[in-house]
Amino acid sequence: MNIPSFFLGMLMLFTTHIDPPNHVKKSAVMVNRDFFKDSKFVHIAWLGFLQSKDAKKVISNVPMFIYENKDEGYGKIVCVPKDPQNWTSKFKGKTKAEKVSIGKTLTQGISNNSIGEKDFNIYTFFSNLNDLTANPNLQVSVPRFPSTVYIYVKSGLKWNLVAQKLIKNVVEYSDLQFKTANGIL
């Protein structure tokens, strides 16, 4: 065993639990997790939008999923098109029924890994079980704020933890998704 690597790994393990307010931490931690592996935890899929905090910029028709595992936590999976302007133009003039059909095809293809990284950057914004609030009006829990959100990026069948951030409210949560989609983490 490489002793310096062991100590560096232990140092990383202990320092990742310190989370100063509003500080983003980068991490190269490999996570042995596949948010799509067990479909019973993926409750909802739709085409949504990501919006900047100033509400002037939007990426629309973004495939999204809700992952909820009652033993682990909640994740919002966001599939960001690699070319957002071209992507949005594909939906112009489509009827609502056509958009629903396209959305079903996309979400099925993404969740079974037949559509993926060639067309999308796929992220999960995950909140641990202790950072959730049960919402009696919805079937799924929702993140409680302030809370730590863990950002994973899909690479093949693996999900790699790339950052974690303390989020104070739903506006910051939305803005974090928009900034991540635009490579501004």
C-alpha atoms as a PDB file:
ATOM      1  CA  MET A   1       0.000   0.000   0.000  1.00  0.00           C
ATOM      2  CA  ASN A   2       1.253   3.459  -0.834  1.00  0.00           C
ATOM      3  CA  ILE A   3       1.467   5.203   2.574  1.00  0.00           C
ATOM      4  CA  PRO A   4       1.383   8.841   1.272  1.00  0.00           C
ATOM      5  CA  SER A   5      -1.720   8.028  -0.814  1.00  0.00           C
ATOM      6  CA  PHE A   6      -3.358   6.414   2.221  1.00  0.00           C
ATOM      7  CA  PHE A   7      -2.756   9.507   4.375  1.00  0.00           C
ATOM      8  CA  LEU A   8      -3.932  11.819   1.593  1.00  0.00           C
ATOM      9  CA  GLY A   9      -7.097   9.745   1.259  1.00  0.00           C
ATOM     10  CA  MET A  10      -7.705   9.882   5.007  1.00  0.00           C
ATOM     11  CA  LEU A  11      -7.139  13.646   5.004  1.00  0.00           C
ATOM     12  CA  MET A  12      -9.680  14.044   2.169  1.00  0.00           C
ATOM     13  CA  LEU A  13     -12.169  11.859   4.048  1.00  0.00           C
ATOM     14  CA  PHE A  14     -11.992  13.964   7.209  1.00  0.00           C
ATOM     15  CA  THR A  15     -11.941  17.364   5.486  1.00  0.00           C
ATOM     16  CA  THR A  16     -14.953  16.692   3.251  1.00  0.00           C
ATOM     17  CA  HIS A  17     -17.219  16.828   6.300  1.00  0.00           C
ATOM     18  CA  ILE A  18     -16.353  20.461   7.061  1.00  0.00           C
ATOM     19  CA  ASP A  19     -18.688  22.664   5.075  1.00  0.00           C
ATOM     20  CA  PRO A  20     -18.145  26.408   5.443  1.00  0.00           C
ATOM     21  CA  PRO A  21     -21.221  28.444   4.458  1.00  0.00           C
ATOM     22  CA  ASN A  22     -21.697  29.008   0.731  1.00  0.00           C
ATOM     23  CA  HIS A  23     -18.407  27.337  -0.191  1.00  0.00           C
ATOM     24  CA  VAL A  24     -18.146  24.949  -3.128  1.00  0.00           C
ATOM     25  CA  LYS A  25     -15.811  22.011  -2.723  1.00  0.00           C
ATOM     26  CA  LYS A  26     -14.426  20.013  -5.616  1.00  0.00           C
ATOM     27  CA  SER A  27     -13.987  16.296  -5.203  1.00  0.00           C
ATOM     28  CA  ALA A  28     -12.785  13.431  -7.335  1.00  0.00           C
ATOM     29  CA  VAL A  29     -14.550  10.836  -5.179  1.00  0.00           C
ATOM     30  CA  MET A  30     -15.772   7.926  -7.273  1.00  0.00           C
ATOM     31  CA  VAL A  31     -19.257   6.920  -6.207  1.00  0.00           C
ATOM     32  CA  ASN A  32     -20.344   3.366  -6.774  1.00  0.00           C
ATOM     33  CA  ARG A  33     -23.894   4.413  -7.506  1.00  0.00           C
ATOM     34  CA  ASP A  34     -26.244   4.362 -10.460  1.00  0.00           C
ATOM     35  CA  PHE A  35     -29.278   6.556  -9.923  1.00  0.00           C
ATOM     36  CA  PHE A  36     -31.025   4.742 -12.789  1.00  0.00           C
ATOM     37  CA  LYS A  37     -30.128   1.189 -11.692  1.00  0.00           C
ATOM     38  CA  ASP A  38     -33.295   0.533  -9.697  1.00  0.00           C
ATOM     39  CA  SER A  39     -36.249   2.137 -11.463  1.00  0.00           C
ATOM     40  CA  LYS A  40     -38.464   1.921  -8.363  1.00  0.00           C
ATOM     41  CA  PHE A  41     -36.561   4.943  -6.994  1.00  0.00           C
ATOM     42  CA  VAL A  42     -37.174   7.086 -10.109  1.00  0.00           C
ATOM     43  CA  HIS A  43     -40.673   8.438  -9.518  1.00  0.00           C
ATOM     44  CA  ILE A  44     -41.186  11.258 -11.967  1.00  0.00           C
ATOM     45  CA  ALA A  45     -39.825  12.256 -15.392  1.00  0.00           C
ATOM     46  CA  TRP A  46     -40.628  15.369 -17.415  1.00  0.00           C
ATOM     47  CA  LEU A  47     -39.259  18.022 -19.763  1.00  0.00           C
ATOM     48  CA  GLY A  48     -38.584  21.097 -17.658  1.00  0.00           C
ATOM     49  CA  PHE A  49     -36.470  24.221 -17.719  1.00  0.00           C
ATOM     50  CA  LEU A  50     -33.482  25.656 -15.914  1.00  0.00           C
ATOM     51  CA  GLN A  51     -33.526  29.344 -15.092  1.00  0.00           C
ATOM     52  CA  SER A  52     -30.868  31.751 -13.870  1.00  0.00           C
ATOM     53  CA  LYS A  53     -31.381  33.598 -10.600  1.00  0.00           C
ATOM     54  CA  ASP A  54     -31.889  36.862 -12.461  1.00  0.00           C
ATOM     55  CA  ALA A  55     -34.633  35.104 -14.522  1.00  0.00           C
ATOM     56  CA  LYS A  56     -33.282  36.427 -17.821  1.00  0.00           C
ATOM     57  CA  LYS A  57     -31.710  33.212 -19.094  1.00  0.00           C
ATOM     58  CA  VAL A  58     -33.498  29.877 -19.543  1.00  0.00           C
ATOM     59  CA  ILE A  59     -32.661  26.454 -20.942  1.00  0.00           C
ATOM     60  CA  SER A  60     -35.926  24.767 -21.872  1.00  0.00           C
ATOM     61  CA  ASN A  61     -37.130  21.235 -22.669  1.00  0.00           C
ATOM     62  CA  VAL A  62     -34.537  19.698 -20.338  1.00  0.00           C
ATOM     63  CA  PRO A  63     -35.205  16.029 -19.433  1.00  0.00           C
ATOM     64  CA  MET A  64     -35.491  15.766 -15.643  1.00  0.00           C
ATOM     65  CA  PHE A  65     -36.156  12.982 -13.162  1.00  0.00           C
ATOM     66  CA  ILE A  66     -36.837  12.700  -9.448  1.00  0.00           C
ATOM     67  CA  TYR A  67     -34.870  10.023  -7.623  1.00  0.00           C
ATOM     68  CA  GLU A  68     -36.096   9.194  -4.130  1.00  0.00           C
ATOM     69  CA  ASN A  69     -34.777   6.384  -2.027  1.00  0.00           C
ATOM     70  CA  LYS A  70     -36.431   6.471   1.412  1.00  0.00           C
ATOM     71  CA  ASP A  71     -33.237   5.020   2.967  1.00  0.00           C
ATOM     72  CA  GLU A  72     -30.768   7.432   1.303  1.00  0.00           C
ATOM     73  CA  GLY A  73     -32.340  10.668   0.128  1.00  0.00           C
ATOM     74  CA  TYR A  74     -33.665  12.711  -2.769  1.00  0.00           C
ATOM     75  CA  GLY A  75     -32.079  13.634  -6.074  1.00  0.00           C
ATOM     76  CA  LYS A  76     -33.143  15.799  -8.962  1.00  0.00           C
ATOM     77  CA  ILE A  77     -31.568  14.408 -12.130  1.00  0.00           C
ATOM     78  CA  VAL A  78     -31.061  17.017 -14.836  1.00  0.00           C
ATOM     79  CA  CYS A  79     -30.013  16.082 -18.401  1.00  0.00           C
ATOM     80  CA  VAL A  80     -28.498  19.201 -19.928  1.00  0.00           C
ATOM     81  CA  PRO A  81     -28.356  19.243 -23.746  1.00  0.00           C
ATOM     82  CA  LYS A  82     -24.815  19.738 -25.012  1.00  0.00           C
ATOM     83  CA  ASP A  83     -26.106  22.356 -27.490  1.00  0.00           C
ATOM     84  CA  PRO A  84     -28.997  24.150 -25.675  1.00  0.00           C
ATOM     85  CA  GLN A  85     -29.877  26.602 -28.480  1.00  0.00           C
ATOM     86  CA  ASN A  86     -30.092  23.884 -31.129  1.00  0.00           C
ATOM     87  CA  TRP A  87     -31.942  21.642 -28.670  1.00  0.00           C
ATOM     88  CA  THR A  88     -34.601  24.264 -27.914  1.00  0.00           C
ATOM     89  CA  SER A  89     -35.159  24.948 -31.614  1.00  0.00           C
ATOM     90  CA  LYS A  90     -36.118  21.266 -32.122  1.00  0.00           C
ATOM     91  CA  PHE A  91     -39.223  21.837 -29.993  1.00  0.00           C
ATOM     92  CA  LYS A  92     -40.520  24.969 -31.729  1.00  0.00           C
ATOM     93  CA  GLY A  93     -43.849  24.408 -33.422  1.00  0.00           C
ATOM     94  CA  LYS A  94     -44.426  21.040 -31.722  1.00  0.00           C
ATOM     95  CA  THR A  95     -47.825  20.357 -30.229  1.00  0.00           C
ATOM     96  CA  LYS A  96     -48.196  19.472 -26.568  1.00  0.00           C
ATOM     97  CA  ALA A  97     -48.897  15.833 -27.525  1.00  0.00           C
ATOM     98  CA  GLU A  98     -45.733  15.715 -29.664  1.00  0.00           C
ATOM     99  CA  LYS A  99     -43.674  17.152 -26.785  1.00  0.00           C
ATOM    100  CA  VAL A 100     -45.111  14.546 -24.393  1.00  0.00           C
ATOM    101  CA  SER A 101     -44.245  11.760 -26.830  1.00  0.00           C
ATOM    102  CA  ILE A 102     -40.705  13.106 -27.330  1.00  0.00           C
ATOM    103  CA  GLY A 103     -40.343  13.473 -23.558  1.00  0.00           C
ATOM    104  CA  LYS A 104     -41.369   9.849 -22.940  1.00  0.00           C
ATOM    105  CA  THR A 105     -38.921   8.568 -25.541  1.00  0.00           C
ATOM    106  CA  LEU A 106     -36.105  10.704 -24.128  1.00  0.00           C
ATOM    107  CA  THR A 107     -36.672   9.799 -20.488  1.00  0.00           C
ATOM    108  CA  GLN A 108     -36.893   6.076 -21.285  1.00  0.00           C
ATOM    109  CA  GLY A 109     -33.727   6.232 -23.384  1.00  0.00           C
ATOM    110  CA  ILE A 110     -31.833   8.200 -20.759  1.00  0.00           C
ATOM    111  CA  SER A 111     -32.915   6.005 -17.849  1.00  0.00           C
ATOM    112  CA  ASN A 112     -31.967   2.771 -19.652  1.00  0.00           C
ATOM    113  CA  ASN A 113     -28.641   4.278 -20.815  1.00  0.00           C
ATOM    114  CA  SER A 114     -29.398   4.059 -24.549  1.00  0.00           C
ATOM    115  CA  ILE A 115     -29.379   7.881 -24.817  1.00  0.00           C
ATOM    116  CA  GLY A 116     -26.767   9.699 -22.834  1.00  0.00           C
ATOM    117  CA  GLU A 117     -23.441  11.416 -22.735  1.00  0.00           C
ATOM    118  CA  LYS A 118     -23.191  11.961 -26.472  1.00  0.00           C
ATOM    119  CA  ASP A 119     -26.168  14.331 -26.301  1.00  0.00           C
ATOM    120  CA  PHE A 120     -26.370  15.340 -22.628  1.00  0.00           C
ATOM    121  CA  ASN A 121     -24.379  16.228 -19.544  1.00  0.00           C
ATOM    122  CA  ILE A 122     -26.304  14.411 -16.821  1.00  0.00           C
ATOM    123  CA  TYR A 123     -26.222  15.701 -13.240  1.00  0.00           C
ATOM    124  CA  THR A 124     -27.886  14.706  -9.992  1.00  0.00           C
ATOM    125  CA  PHE A 125     -28.478  17.281  -7.275  1.00  0.00           C
ATOM    126  CA  PHE A 126     -28.712  15.000  -4.249  1.00  0.00           C
ATOM    127  CA  SER A 127     -29.848  15.734  -0.697  1.00  0.00           C
ATOM    128  CA  ASN A 128     -29.314  13.265   2.126  1.00  0.00           C
ATOM    129  CA  LEU A 129     -32.273  11.873   4.016  1.00  0.00           C
ATOM    130  CA  ASN A 130     -31.687  14.166   7.015  1.00  0.00           C
ATOM    131  CA  ASP A 131     -31.908  17.235   4.724  1.00  0.00           C
ATOM    132  CA  LEU A 132     -35.427  16.451   3.469  1.00  0.00           C
ATOM    133  CA  THR A 133     -38.823  17.741   4.471  1.00  0.00           C
ATOM    134  CA  ALA A 134     -41.794  15.472   4.022  1.00  0.00           C
ATOM    135  CA  ASN A 135     -44.356  17.269   1.911  1.00  0.00           C
ATOM    136  CA  PRO A 136     -47.895  15.950   2.571  1.00  0.00           C
ATOM    137  CA  ASN A 137     -49.179  17.438  -0.723  1.00  0.00           C
ATOM    138  CA  LEU A 138     -46.636  15.562  -2.842  1.00  0.00           C
ATOM    139  CA  GLN A 139     -45.727  11.897  -3.093  1.00  0.00           C
ATOM    140  CA  VAL A 140     -42.010  12.659  -2.772  1.00  0.00           C
ATOM    141  CA  SER A 141     -39.976  14.507  -0.182  1.00  0.00           C
ATOM    142  CA  VAL A 142     -38.299  17.789  -1.019  1.00  0.00           C
ATOM    143  CA  PRO A 143     -34.982  19.335   0.099  1.00  0.00           C
ATOM    144  CA  ARG A 144     -35.151  21.456   3.223  1.00  0.00           C
ATOM    145  CA  PHE A 145     -33.172  24.672   3.184  1.00  0.00           C
ATOM    146  CA  PRO A 146     -30.582  25.472   4.235  1.00  0.00           C
ATOM    147  CA  SER A 147     -28.998  22.124   3.350  1.00  0.00           C
ATOM    148  CA  THR A 148     -26.002  20.618   1.640  1.00  0.00           C
ATOM    149  CA  VAL A 149     -26.579  19.582  -1.970  1.00  0.00           C
ATOM    150  CA  TYR A 150     -24.205  17.030  -3.492  1.00  0.00           C
ATOM    151  CA  ILE A 151     -23.648  17.343  -7.239  1.00  0.00           C
ATOM    152  CA  TYR A 152     -22.915  14.169  -9.186  1.00  0.00           C
ATOM    153  CA  VAL A 153     -22.101  13.884 -12.885  1.00  0.00           C
ATOM    154  CA  LYS A 154     -22.793  10.718 -14.868  1.00  0.00           C
ATOM    155  CA  SER A 155     -19.843   9.096 -16.597  1.00  0.00           C
ATOM    156  CA  GLY A 156     -20.803   5.808 -18.236  1.00  0.00           C
ATOM    157  CA  LEU A 157     -22.699   3.886 -15.566  1.00  0.00           C
ATOM    158  CA  LYS A 158     -20.907   5.617 -12.687  1.00  0.00           C
ATOM    159  CA  TRP A 159     -21.841   8.811 -10.947  1.00  0.00           C
ATOM    160  CA  ASN A 160     -18.938  10.917  -9.714  1.00  0.00           C
ATOM    161  CA  LEU A 161     -19.287  13.425  -6.903  1.00  0.00           C
ATOM    162  CA  VAL A 162     -17.939  16.694  -8.320  1.00  0.00           C
ATOM    163  CA  ALA A 163     -19.004  19.246  -5.703  1.00  0.00           C
ATOM    164  CA  GLN A 164     -21.109  19.946  -2.679  1.00  0.00           C
ATOM    165  CA  LYS A 165     -22.616  23.258  -1.702  1.00  0.00           C
ATOM    166  CA  LEU A 166     -24.579  24.683   1.177  1.00  0.00           C
ATOM    167  CA  ILE A 167     -27.807  26.054  -0.310  1.00  0.00           C
ATOM    168  CA  LYS A 168     -29.860  28.581   1.656  1.00  0.00           C
ATOM    169  CA  ASN A 169     -33.152  28.609  -0.280  1.00  0.00           C
ATOM    170  CA  VAL A 170     -35.022  27.391  -3.359  1.00  0.00           C
ATOM    171  CA  VAL A 171     -33.758  30.335  -5.469  1.00  0.00           C
ATOM    172  CA  GLU A 172     -30.142  29.314  -4.791  1.00  0.00           C
ATOM    173  CA  TYR A 173     -31.080  25.681  -5.544  1.00  0.00           C
ATOM    174  CA  SER A 174     -32.493  26.666  -8.939  1.00  0.00           C
ATOM    175  CA  ASP A 175     -29.529  28.931  -9.689  1.00  0.00           C
ATOM    176  CA  LEU A 176     -27.090  26.133  -8.746  1.00  0.00           C
ATOM    177  CA  GLN A 177     -28.715  23.889 -11.357  1.00  0.00           C
ATOM    178  CA  PHE A 178     -28.563  26.615 -14.019  1.00  0.00           C
ATOM    179  CA  LYS A 179     -24.918  27.454 -13.240  1.00  0.00           C
ATOM    180  CA  THR A 180     -23.937  23.767 -13.228  1.00  0.00           C
ATOM    181  CA  ALA A 181     -25.648  23.324 -16.606  1.00  0.00           C
ATOM    182  CA  ASN A 182     -23.551  26.200 -17.954  1.00  0.00           C
ATOM    183  CA  GLY A 183     -20.269  24.976 -16.473  1.00  0.00           C
ATOM    184  CA  ILE A 184     -20.163  27.679 -13.766  1.00  0.00           C
ATOM    185  CA  LEU A 185     -19.976  25.621 -10.607  1.00  0.00           C
END
